[in-house]
Amino acid sequence: MTEKKSKEKELIYKGKPLVRSGSTIYYGDMADKYVAMLQIFETEPFKDMQLPQRVSVQILSTDATLRPKERIKKKTDKANLYEALDIAAIWLHRMLEQ
């Protein structure tokens, strides 16, 4: 029953899970061939919260036999979290279709 409750609280964007660890967000399923990693480098205050301003997006292979540099398949920097998630979703979808 606890597994079901944790699944209900899981964040989903366009059908894939989002997992946050500090200023890093992982998008996708680790059981798939690729996942997206979004790193927040800058934030800007807005009312009572911090909004991400500079976000790095990387599409990573989940193949543990590859060296870290070989695991990076695509990367870019975006001006905000919305743009970063949007390109991550597009790239991840295309990579998983191959």
PDB file of N, CA and C in Angstrom:
ATOM      1  N   MET A   1       0.815  -1.194   0.000  1.00  0.00           N
ATOM      2  CA  MET A   1       0.000   0.000   0.000  1.00  0.00           C
ATOM      3  C   MET A   1       0.858   1.257   0.000  1.00  0.00           C
ATOM      4  N   THR A   2       1.998   1.237   0.668  1.00  0.00           N
ATOM      5  CA  THR A   2       2.859   2.415   0.667  1.00  0.00           C
ATOM      6  C   THR A   2       3.419   2.689  -0.722  1.00  0.00           C
ATOM      7  N   GLU A   3       3.644   1.631  -1.517  1.00  0.00           N
ATOM      8  CA  GLU A   3       4.130   1.830  -2.880  1.00  0.00           C
ATOM      9  C   GLU A   3       3.089   2.571  -3.707  1.00  0.00           C
ATOM     10  N   LYS A   4       1.827   2.236  -3.532  1.00  0.00           N
ATOM     11  CA  LYS A   4       0.757   2.896  -4.263  1.00  0.00           C
ATOM     12  C   LYS A   4       0.673   4.370  -3.877  1.00  0.00           C
ATOM     13  N   LYS A   5       0.804   4.679  -2.590  1.00  0.00           N
ATOM     14  CA  LYS A   5       0.761   6.067  -2.147  1.00  0.00           C
ATOM     15  C   LYS A   5       1.918   6.873  -2.704  1.00  0.00           C
ATOM     16  N   SER A   6       3.126   6.299  -2.755  1.00  0.00           N
ATOM     17  CA  SER A   6       4.274   7.028  -3.286  1.00  0.00           C
ATOM     18  C   SER A   6       4.110   7.269  -4.783  1.00  0.00           C
ATOM     19  N   LYS A   7       3.488   6.349  -5.518  1.00  0.00           N
ATOM     20  CA  LYS A   7       3.232   6.536  -6.940  1.00  0.00           C
ATOM     21  C   LYS A   7       2.250   7.682  -7.177  1.00  0.00           C
ATOM     22  N   GLU A   8       1.280   7.855  -6.278  1.00  0.00           N
ATOM     23  CA  GLU A   8       0.299   8.920  -6.433  1.00  0.00           C
ATOM     24  C   GLU A   8       0.939  10.294  -6.287  1.00  0.00           C
ATOM     25  N   LYS A   9       1.992  10.419  -5.498  1.00  0.00           N
ATOM     26  CA  LYS A   9       2.639  11.703  -5.274  1.00  0.00           C
ATOM     27  C   LYS A   9       3.765  11.981  -6.266  1.00  0.00           C
ATOM     28  N   GLU A  10       4.070  11.038  -7.139  1.00  0.00           N
ATOM     29  CA  GLU A  10       5.129  11.201  -8.116  1.00  0.00           C
ATOM     30  C   GLU A  10       4.747  12.277  -9.132  1.00  0.00           C
ATOM     31  N   LEU A  11       5.699  13.173  -9.447  1.00  0.00           N
ATOM     32  CA  LEU A  11       5.454  14.207 -10.448  1.00  0.00           C
ATOM     33  C   LEU A  11       5.647  13.625 -11.839  1.00  0.00           C
ATOM     34  N   ILE A  12       4.717  13.921 -12.722  1.00  0.00           N
ATOM     35  CA  ILE A  12       4.755  13.414 -14.093  1.00  0.00           C
ATOM     36  C   ILE A  12       4.654  14.604 -15.041  1.00  0.00           C
ATOM     37  N   TYR A  13       5.497  14.612 -16.081  1.00  0.00           N
ATOM     38  CA  TYR A  13       5.422  15.631 -17.129  1.00  0.00           C
ATOM     39  C   TYR A  13       5.418  14.898 -18.461  1.00  0.00           C
ATOM     40  N   LYS A  14       4.362  15.081 -19.226  1.00  0.00           N
ATOM     41  CA  LYS A  14       4.195  14.425 -20.529  1.00  0.00           C
ATOM     42  C   LYS A  14       4.442  12.917 -20.455  1.00  0.00           C
ATOM     43  N   GLY A  15       3.920  12.303 -19.394  1.00  0.00           N
ATOM     44  CA  GLY A  15       3.958  10.856 -19.267  1.00  0.00           C
ATOM     45  C   GLY A  15       5.238  10.268 -18.683  1.00  0.00           C
ATOM     46  N   LYS A  16       6.197  11.101 -18.318  1.00  0.00           N
ATOM     47  CA  LYS A  16       7.466  10.629 -17.755  1.00  0.00           C
ATOM     48  C   LYS A  16       7.647  11.212 -16.353  1.00  0.00           C
ATOM     49  N   PRO A  17       8.273  10.453 -15.448  1.00  0.00           N
ATOM     50  CA  PRO A  17       8.463  10.958 -14.075  1.00  0.00           C
ATOM     51  C   PRO A  17       9.542  12.034 -13.977  1.00  0.00           C
ATOM     52  N   LEU A  18       9.346  12.947 -13.021  1.00  0.00           N
ATOM     53  CA  LEU A  18      10.310  13.987 -12.679  1.00  0.00           C
ATOM     54  C   LEU A  18      10.785  13.721 -11.262  1.00  0.00           C
ATOM     55  N   VAL A  19      12.104  13.671 -11.065  1.00  0.00           N
ATOM     56  CA  VAL A  19      12.677  13.447  -9.740  1.00  0.00           C
ATOM     57  C   VAL A  19      13.689  14.546  -9.490  1.00  0.00           C
ATOM     58  N   ARG A  20      13.541  15.244  -8.361  1.00  0.00           N
ATOM     59  CA  ARG A  20      14.450  16.345  -8.035  1.00  0.00           C
ATOM     60  C   ARG A  20      15.394  15.957  -6.915  1.00  0.00           C
ATOM     61  N   SER A  21      16.659  16.342  -7.080  1.00  0.00           N
ATOM     62  CA  SER A  21      17.679  16.156  -6.051  1.00  0.00           C
ATOM     63  C   SER A  21      18.473  17.450  -5.983  1.00  0.00           C
ATOM     64  N   GLY A  22      18.141  18.316  -5.027  1.00  0.00           N
ATOM     65  CA  GLY A  22      18.801  19.617  -4.925  1.00  0.00           C
ATOM     66  C   GLY A  22      18.464  20.473  -6.132  1.00  0.00           C
ATOM     67  N   SER A  23      19.489  20.924  -6.862  1.00  0.00           N
ATOM     68  CA  SER A  23      19.263  21.764  -8.035  1.00  0.00           C
ATOM     69  C   SER A  23      19.306  20.948  -9.335  1.00  0.00           C
ATOM     70  N   THR A  24      19.197  19.632  -9.226  1.00  0.00           N
ATOM     71  CA  THR A  24      19.183  18.752 -10.395  1.00  0.00           C
ATOM     72  C   THR A  24      17.836  18.045 -10.493  1.00  0.00           C
ATOM     73  N   ILE A  25      17.297  18.023 -11.709  1.00  0.00           N
ATOM     74  CA  ILE A  25      16.023  17.353 -11.965  1.00  0.00           C
ATOM     75  C   ILE A  25      16.270  16.271 -13.015  1.00  0.00           C
ATOM     76  N   TYR A  26      15.847  15.063 -12.715  1.00  0.00           N
ATOM     77  CA  TYR A  26      15.929  13.962 -13.677  1.00  0.00           C
ATOM     78  C   TYR A  26      14.546  13.752 -14.272  1.00  0.00           C
ATOM     79  N   TYR A  27      14.489  13.655 -15.591  1.00  0.00           N
ATOM     80  CA  TYR A  27      13.231  13.490 -16.305  1.00  0.00           C
ATOM     81  C   TYR A  27      13.307  12.214 -17.129  1.00  0.00           C
ATOM     82  N   GLY A  28      12.426  11.282 -16.855  1.00  0.00           N
ATOM     83  CA  GLY A  28      12.394  10.030 -17.590  1.00  0.00           C
ATOM     84  C   GLY A  28      12.498   8.847 -16.652  1.00  0.00           C
ATOM     85  N   ASP A  29      12.410   7.679 -17.223  1.00  0.00           N
ATOM     86  CA  ASP A  29      12.442   6.429 -16.480  1.00  0.00           C
ATOM     87  C   ASP A  29      13.832   5.818 -16.599  1.00  0.00           C
ATOM     88  N   MET A  30      14.473   5.511 -15.479  1.00  0.00           N
ATOM     89  CA  MET A  30      15.823   4.951 -15.493  1.00  0.00           C
ATOM     90  C   MET A  30      15.864   3.567 -16.158  1.00  0.00           C
ATOM     91  N   ALA A  31      14.724   2.928 -16.331  1.00  0.00           N
ATOM     92  CA  ALA A  31      14.670   1.638 -17.021  1.00  0.00           C
ATOM     93  C   ALA A  31      14.748   1.822 -18.539  1.00  0.00           C
ATOM     94  N   ASP A  32      14.520   3.050 -19.032  1.00  0.00           N
ATOM     95  CA  ASP A  32      14.620   3.335 -20.459  1.00  0.00           C
ATOM     96  C   ASP A  32      16.083   3.477 -20.871  1.00  0.00           C
ATOM     97  N   LYS A  33      16.321   3.574 -22.157  1.00  0.00           N
ATOM     98  CA  LYS A  33      17.680   3.686 -22.686  1.00  0.00           C
ATOM     99  C   LYS A  33      18.302   5.059 -22.408  1.00  0.00           C
ATOM    100  N   TYR A  34      17.456   6.108 -22.299  1.00  0.00           N
ATOM    101  CA  TYR A  34      17.930   7.479 -22.074  1.00  0.00           C
ATOM    102  C   TYR A  34      17.069   8.182 -21.034  1.00  0.00           C
ATOM    103  N   VAL A  35      17.666   9.155 -20.345  1.00  0.00           N
ATOM    104  CA  VAL A  35      16.945  10.064 -19.444  1.00  0.00           C
ATOM    105  C   VAL A  35      17.482  11.469 -19.682  1.00  0.00           C
ATOM    106  N   ALA A  36      16.743  12.462 -19.215  1.00  0.00           N
ATOM    107  CA  ALA A  36      17.191  13.848 -19.298  1.00  0.00           C
ATOM    108  C   ALA A  36      17.600  14.320 -17.911  1.00  0.00           C
ATOM    109  N   MET A  37      18.682  15.086 -17.864  1.00  0.00           N
ATOM    110  CA  MET A  37      19.123  15.684 -16.610  1.00  0.00           C
ATOM    111  C   MET A  37      19.111  17.203 -16.798  1.00  0.00           C
ATOM    112  N   LEU A  38      18.390  17.878 -15.917  1.00  0.00           N
ATOM    113  CA  LEU A  38      18.307  19.331 -15.957  1.00  0.00           C
ATOM    114  C   LEU A  38      18.992  19.877 -14.715  1.00  0.00           C
ATOM    115  N   GLN A  39      19.988  20.742 -14.900  1.00  0.00           N
ATOM    116  CA  GLN A  39      20.699  21.340 -13.780  1.00  0.00           C
ATOM    117  C   GLN A  39      20.393  22.829 -13.739  1.00  0.00           C
ATOM    118  N   ILE A  40      19.928  23.299 -12.592  1.00  0.00           N
ATOM    119  CA  ILE A  40      19.594  24.710 -12.409  1.00  0.00           C
ATOM    120  C   ILE A  40      20.837  25.433 -11.917  1.00  0.00           C
ATOM    121  N   PHE A  41      21.306  26.410 -12.705  1.00  0.00           N
ATOM    122  CA  PHE A  41      22.515  27.147 -12.346  1.00  0.00           C
ATOM    123  C   PHE A  41      22.225  28.494 -11.700  1.00  0.00           C
ATOM    124  N   GLU A  42      21.121  29.125 -12.063  1.00  0.00           N
ATOM    125  CA  GLU A  42      20.766  30.432 -11.503  1.00  0.00           C
ATOM    126  C   GLU A  42      19.282  30.461 -11.179  1.00  0.00           C
ATOM    127  N   THR A  43      18.952  31.194 -10.124  1.00  0.00           N
ATOM    128  CA  THR A  43      17.546  31.416  -9.772  1.00  0.00           C
ATOM    129  C   THR A  43      17.323  32.900  -9.563  1.00  0.00           C
ATOM    130  N   GLU A  44      16.068  33.299  -9.637  1.00  0.00           N
ATOM    131  CA  GLU A  44      15.685  34.694  -9.443  1.00  0.00           C
ATOM    132  C   GLU A  44      14.516  34.731  -8.461  1.00  0.00           C
ATOM    133  N   PRO A  45      14.566  35.624  -7.469  1.00  0.00           N
ATOM    134  CA  PRO A  45      13.453  35.685  -6.523  1.00  0.00           C
ATOM    135  C   PRO A  45      12.166  36.186  -7.186  1.00  0.00           C
ATOM    136  N   PHE A  46      11.062  35.558  -6.836  1.00  0.00           N
ATOM    137  CA  PHE A  46       9.742  35.971  -7.307  1.00  0.00           C
ATOM    138  C   PHE A  46       8.763  35.718  -6.172  1.00  0.00           C
ATOM    139  N   LYS A  47       8.223  36.783  -5.621  1.00  0.00           N
ATOM    140  CA  LYS A  47       7.351  36.712  -4.443  1.00  0.00           C
ATOM    141  C   LYS A  47       8.063  35.943  -3.338  1.00  0.00           C
ATOM    142  N   ASP A  48       7.543  34.797  -2.919  1.00  0.00           N
ATOM    143  CA  ASP A  48       8.165  34.053  -1.816  1.00  0.00           C
ATOM    144  C   ASP A  48       8.887  32.783  -2.273  1.00  0.00           C
ATOM    145  N   MET A  49       9.304  32.743  -3.551  1.00  0.00           N
ATOM    146  CA  MET A  49      10.000  31.551  -4.053  1.00  0.00           C
ATOM    147  C   MET A  49      11.130  31.948  -5.000  1.00  0.00           C
ATOM    148  N   GLN A  50      11.908  30.968  -5.412  1.00  0.00           N
ATOM    149  CA  GLN A  50      13.004  31.165  -6.358  1.00  0.00           C
ATOM    150  C   GLN A  50      12.640  30.512  -7.692  1.00  0.00           C
ATOM    151  N   LEU A  51      12.715  31.280  -8.779  1.00  0.00           N
ATOM    152  CA  LEU A  51      12.422  30.741 -10.107  1.00  0.00           C
ATOM    153  C   LEU A  51      13.727  30.430 -10.834  1.00  0.00           C
ATOM    154  N   PRO A  52      13.841  29.249 -11.423  1.00  0.00           N
ATOM    155  CA  PRO A  52      15.049  28.905 -12.186  1.00  0.00           C
ATOM    156  C   PRO A  52      15.208  29.823 -13.393  1.00  0.00           C
ATOM    157  N   GLN A  53      16.422  30.325 -13.620  1.00  0.00           N
ATOM    158  CA  GLN A  53      16.681  31.232 -14.738  1.00  0.00           C
ATOM    159  C   GLN A  53      17.622  30.649 -15.775  1.00  0.00           C
ATOM    160  N   ARG A  54      18.673  29.978 -15.372  1.00  0.00           N
ATOM    161  CA  ARG A  54      19.601  29.357 -16.328  1.00  0.00           C
ATOM    162  C   ARG A  54      19.634  27.865 -16.038  1.00  0.00           C
ATOM    163  N   VAL A  55      19.215  27.079 -17.023  1.00  0.00           N
ATOM    164  CA  VAL A  55      19.083  25.630 -16.824  1.00  0.00           C
ATOM    165  C   VAL A  55      19.825  24.899 -17.937  1.00  0.00           C
ATOM    166  N   SER A  56      20.672  23.953 -17.548  1.00  0.00           N
ATOM    167  CA  SER A  56      21.383  23.101 -18.494  1.00  0.00           C
ATOM    168  C   SER A  56      20.570  21.828 -18.708  1.00  0.00           C
ATOM    169  N   VAL A  57      20.456  21.401 -19.959  1.00  0.00           N
ATOM    170  CA  VAL A  57      19.720  20.179 -20.306  1.00  0.00           C
ATOM    171  C   VAL A  57      20.694  19.196 -20.957  1.00  0.00           C
ATOM    172  N   GLN A  58      20.702  17.966 -20.455  1.00  0.00           N
ATOM    173  CA  GLN A  58      21.525  16.919 -21.056  1.00  0.00           C
ATOM    174  C   GLN A  58      20.692  15.658 -21.217  1.00  0.00           C
ATOM    175  N   ILE A  59      20.810  15.021 -22.380  1.00  0.00           N
ATOM    176  CA  ILE A  59      20.213  13.704 -22.589  1.00  0.00           C
ATOM    177  C   ILE A  59      21.330  12.700 -22.326  1.00  0.00           C
ATOM    178  N   LEU A  60      21.089  11.801 -21.362  1.00  0.00           N
ATOM    179  CA  LEU A  60      22.103  10.844 -20.934  1.00  0.00           C
ATOM    180  C   LEU A  60      21.677   9.411 -21.232  1.00  0.00           C
ATOM    181  N   SER A  61      22.642   8.611 -21.631  1.00  0.00           N
ATOM    182  CA  SER A  61      22.406   7.183 -21.785  1.00  0.00           C
ATOM    183  C   SER A  61      22.395   6.559 -20.391  1.00  0.00           C
ATOM    184  N   THR A  62      21.548   5.583 -20.170  1.00  0.00           N
ATOM    185  CA  THR A  62      21.512   4.894 -18.876  1.00  0.00           C
ATOM    186  C   THR A  62      22.432   3.673 -18.873  1.00  0.00           C
ATOM    187  N   ASP A  63      23.199   3.494 -19.931  1.00  0.00           N
ATOM    188  CA  ASP A  63      24.146   2.381 -20.040  1.00  0.00           C
ATOM    189  C   ASP A  63      25.319   2.621 -19.085  1.00  0.00           C
ATOM    190  N   ALA A  64      25.391   1.865 -18.009  1.00  0.00           N
ATOM    191  CA  ALA A  64      26.413   2.051 -16.975  1.00  0.00           C
ATOM    192  C   ALA A  64      27.801   1.629 -17.437  1.00  0.00           C
ATOM    193  N   THR A  65      27.909   0.940 -18.571  1.00  0.00           N
ATOM    194  CA  THR A  65      29.230   0.516 -19.049  1.00  0.00           C
ATOM    195  C   THR A  65      29.977   1.639 -19.770  1.00  0.00           C
ATOM    196  N   LEU A  66      29.266   2.706 -20.138  1.00  0.00           N
ATOM    197  CA  LEU A  66      29.896   3.828 -20.830  1.00  0.00           C
ATOM    198  C   LEU A  66      30.567   4.771 -19.833  1.00  0.00           C
ATOM    199  N   ARG A  67      31.634   5.442 -20.293  1.00  0.00           N
ATOM    200  CA  ARG A  67      32.285   6.463 -19.472  1.00  0.00           C
ATOM    201  C   ARG A  67      31.351   7.665 -19.377  1.00  0.00           C
ATOM    202  N   PRO A  68      31.488   8.483 -18.316  1.00  0.00           N
ATOM    203  CA  PRO A  68      30.576   9.628 -18.137  1.00  0.00           C
ATOM    204  C   PRO A  68      30.458  10.546 -19.356  1.00  0.00           C
ATOM    205  N   LYS A  69      31.561  10.863 -20.023  1.00  0.00           N
ATOM    206  CA  LYS A  69      31.484  11.749 -21.198  1.00  0.00           C
ATOM    207  C   LYS A  69      30.777  11.076 -22.371  1.00  0.00           C
ATOM    208  N   GLU A  70      30.903   9.768 -22.482  1.00  0.00           N
ATOM    209  CA  GLU A  70      30.244   9.033 -23.562  1.00  0.00           C
ATOM    210  C   GLU A  70      28.744   8.912 -23.334  1.00  0.00           C
ATOM    211  N   ARG A  71      28.301   9.075 -22.106  1.00  0.00           N
ATOM    212  CA  ARG A  71      26.878   8.942 -21.793  1.00  0.00           C
ATOM    213  C   ARG A  71      26.083  10.152 -22.251  1.00  0.00           C
ATOM    214  N   ILE A  72      26.730  11.327 -22.407  1.00  0.00           N
ATOM    215  CA  ILE A  72      26.046  12.547 -22.833  1.00  0.00           C
ATOM    216  C   ILE A  72      25.803  12.479 -24.343  1.00  0.00           C
ATOM    217  N   LYS A  73      24.541  12.494 -24.736  1.00  0.00           N
ATOM    218  CA  LYS A  73      24.178  12.404 -26.147  1.00  0.00           C
ATOM    219  C   LYS A  73      23.833  13.762 -26.749  1.00  0.00           C
ATOM    220  N   LYS A  74      23.220  14.634 -25.965  1.00  0.00           N
ATOM    221  CA  LYS A  74      22.867  15.992 -26.407  1.00  0.00           C
ATOM    222  C   LYS A  74      22.922  16.901 -25.197  1.00  0.00           C
ATOM    223  N   LYS A  75      23.219  18.193 -25.433  1.00  0.00           N
ATOM    224  CA  LYS A  75      23.156  19.141 -24.329  1.00  0.00           C
ATOM    225  C   LYS A  75      22.961  20.552 -24.839  1.00  0.00           C
ATOM    226  N   THR A  76      22.340  21.378 -24.000  1.00  0.00           N
ATOM    227  CA  THR A  76      22.090  22.778 -24.316  1.00  0.00           C
ATOM    228  C   THR A  76      21.812  23.524 -23.013  1.00  0.00           C
ATOM    229  N   ASP A  77      21.810  24.841 -23.076  1.00  0.00           N
ATOM    230  CA  ASP A  77      21.408  25.691 -21.955  1.00  0.00           C
ATOM    231  C   ASP A  77      20.166  26.458 -22.368  1.00  0.00           C
ATOM    232  N   LYS A  78      19.233  26.602 -21.439  1.00  0.00           N
ATOM    233  CA  LYS A  78      18.000  27.338 -21.698  1.00  0.00           C
ATOM    234  C   LYS A  78      17.819  28.428 -20.650  1.00  0.00           C
ATOM    235  N   ALA A  79      16.994  29.424 -20.979  1.00  0.00           N
ATOM    236  CA  ALA A  79      16.823  30.603 -20.129  1.00  0.00           C
ATOM    237  C   ALA A  79      15.907  30.370 -18.932  1.00  0.00           C
ATOM    238  N   ASN A  80      15.046  29.355 -18.990  1.00  0.00           N
ATOM    239  CA  ASN A  80      14.146  29.102 -17.863  1.00  0.00           C
ATOM    240  C   ASN A  80      13.747  27.628 -17.831  1.00  0.00           C
ATOM    241  N   LEU A  81      13.082  27.232 -16.771  1.00  0.00           N
ATOM    242  CA  LEU A  81      12.729  25.832 -16.573  1.00  0.00           C
ATOM    243  C   LEU A  81      11.719  25.343 -17.607  1.00  0.00           C
ATOM    244  N   TYR A  82      10.768  26.175 -18.001  1.00  0.00           N
ATOM    245  CA  TYR A  82       9.778  25.753 -18.989  1.00  0.00           C
ATOM    246  C   TYR A  82      10.453  25.376 -20.308  1.00  0.00           C
ATOM    247  N   GLU A  83      11.351  26.245 -20.801  1.00  0.00           N
ATOM    248  CA  GLU A  83      12.051  25.957 -22.049  1.00  0.00           C
ATOM    249  C   GLU A  83      12.909  24.702 -21.925  1.00  0.00           C
ATOM    250  N   ALA A  84      13.542  24.533 -20.764  1.00  0.00           N
ATOM    251  CA  ALA A  84      14.396  23.367 -20.533  1.00  0.00           C
ATOM    252  C   ALA A  84      13.575  22.079 -20.534  1.00  0.00           C
ATOM    253  N   LEU A  85      12.452  22.069 -19.839  1.00  0.00           N
ATOM    254  CA  LEU A  85      11.591  20.879 -19.815  1.00  0.00           C
ATOM    255  C   LEU A  85      11.015  20.580 -21.195  1.00  0.00           C
ATOM    256  N   ASP A  86      10.682  21.623 -21.930  1.00  0.00           N
ATOM    257  CA  ASP A  86      10.108  21.450 -23.260  1.00  0.00           C
ATOM    258  C   ASP A  86      11.112  20.778 -24.193  1.00  0.00           C
ATOM    259  N   ILE A  87      12.343  21.270 -24.245  1.00  0.00           N
ATOM    260  CA  ILE A  87      13.343  20.667 -25.131  1.00  0.00           C
ATOM    261  C   ILE A  87      13.739  19.285 -24.629  1.00  0.00           C
ATOM    262  N   ALA A  88      13.788  19.089 -23.317  1.00  0.00           N
ATOM    263  CA  ALA A  88      14.114  17.772 -22.757  1.00  0.00           C
ATOM    264  C   ALA A  88      13.065  16.748 -23.173  1.00  0.00           C
ATOM    265  N   ALA A  89      11.794  17.118 -23.125  1.00  0.00           N
ATOM    266  CA  ALA A  89      10.715  16.204 -23.513  1.00  0.00           C
ATOM    267  C   ALA A  89      10.812  15.838 -24.999  1.00  0.00           C
ATOM    268  N   ILE A  90      11.103  16.820 -25.836  1.00  0.00           N
ATOM    269  CA  ILE A  90      11.212  16.578 -27.279  1.00  0.00           C
ATOM    270  C   ILE A  90      12.397  15.665 -27.574  1.00  0.00           C
ATOM    271  N   TRP A  91      13.568  16.027 -27.047  1.00  0.00           N
ATOM    272  CA  TRP A  91      14.771  15.229 -27.295  1.00  0.00           C
ATOM    273  C   TRP A  91      14.632  13.808 -26.760  1.00  0.00           C
ATOM    274  N   LEU A  92      14.107  13.685 -25.543  1.00  0.00           N
ATOM    275  CA  LEU A  92      13.979  12.361 -24.944  1.00  0.00           C
ATOM    276  C   LEU A  92      13.030  11.483 -25.760  1.00  0.00           C
ATOM    277  N   HIS A  93      11.926  12.056 -26.185  1.00  0.00           N
ATOM    278  CA  HIS A  93      10.971  11.322 -27.020  1.00  0.00           C
ATOM    279  C   HIS A  93      11.643  10.825 -28.309  1.00  0.00           C
ATOM    280  N   ARG A  94      12.401  11.696 -28.969  1.00  0.00           N
ATOM    281  CA  ARG A  94      13.078  11.323 -30.217  1.00  0.00           C
ATOM    282  C   ARG A  94      14.138  10.247 -29.985  1.00  0.00           C
ATOM    283  N   MET A  95      14.902  10.379 -28.895  1.00  0.00           N
ATOM    284  CA  MET A  95      15.963   9.396 -28.615  1.00  0.00           C
ATOM    285  C   MET A  95      15.374   8.024 -28.292  1.00  0.00           C
ATOM    286  N   LEU A  96      14.253   7.999 -27.597  1.00  0.00           N
ATOM    287  CA  LEU A  96      13.638   6.732 -27.224  1.00  0.00           C
ATOM    288  C   LEU A  96      12.954   6.049 -28.407  1.00  0.00           C
ATOM    289  N   GLU A  97      12.624   6.809 -29.454  1.00  0.00           N
ATOM    290  CA  GLU A  97      12.008   6.225 -30.651  1.00  0.00           C
ATOM    291  C   GLU A  97      13.016   5.514 -31.541  1.00  0.00           C
ATOM    292  N   GLN A  98      14.307   5.824 -31.409  1.00  0.00           N
ATOM    293  CA  GLN A  98      15.340   5.236 -32.274  1.00  0.00           C
ATOM    294  C   GLN A  98      15.508   3.759 -32.009  1.00  0.00           C
TER     295      GLN A  98
END
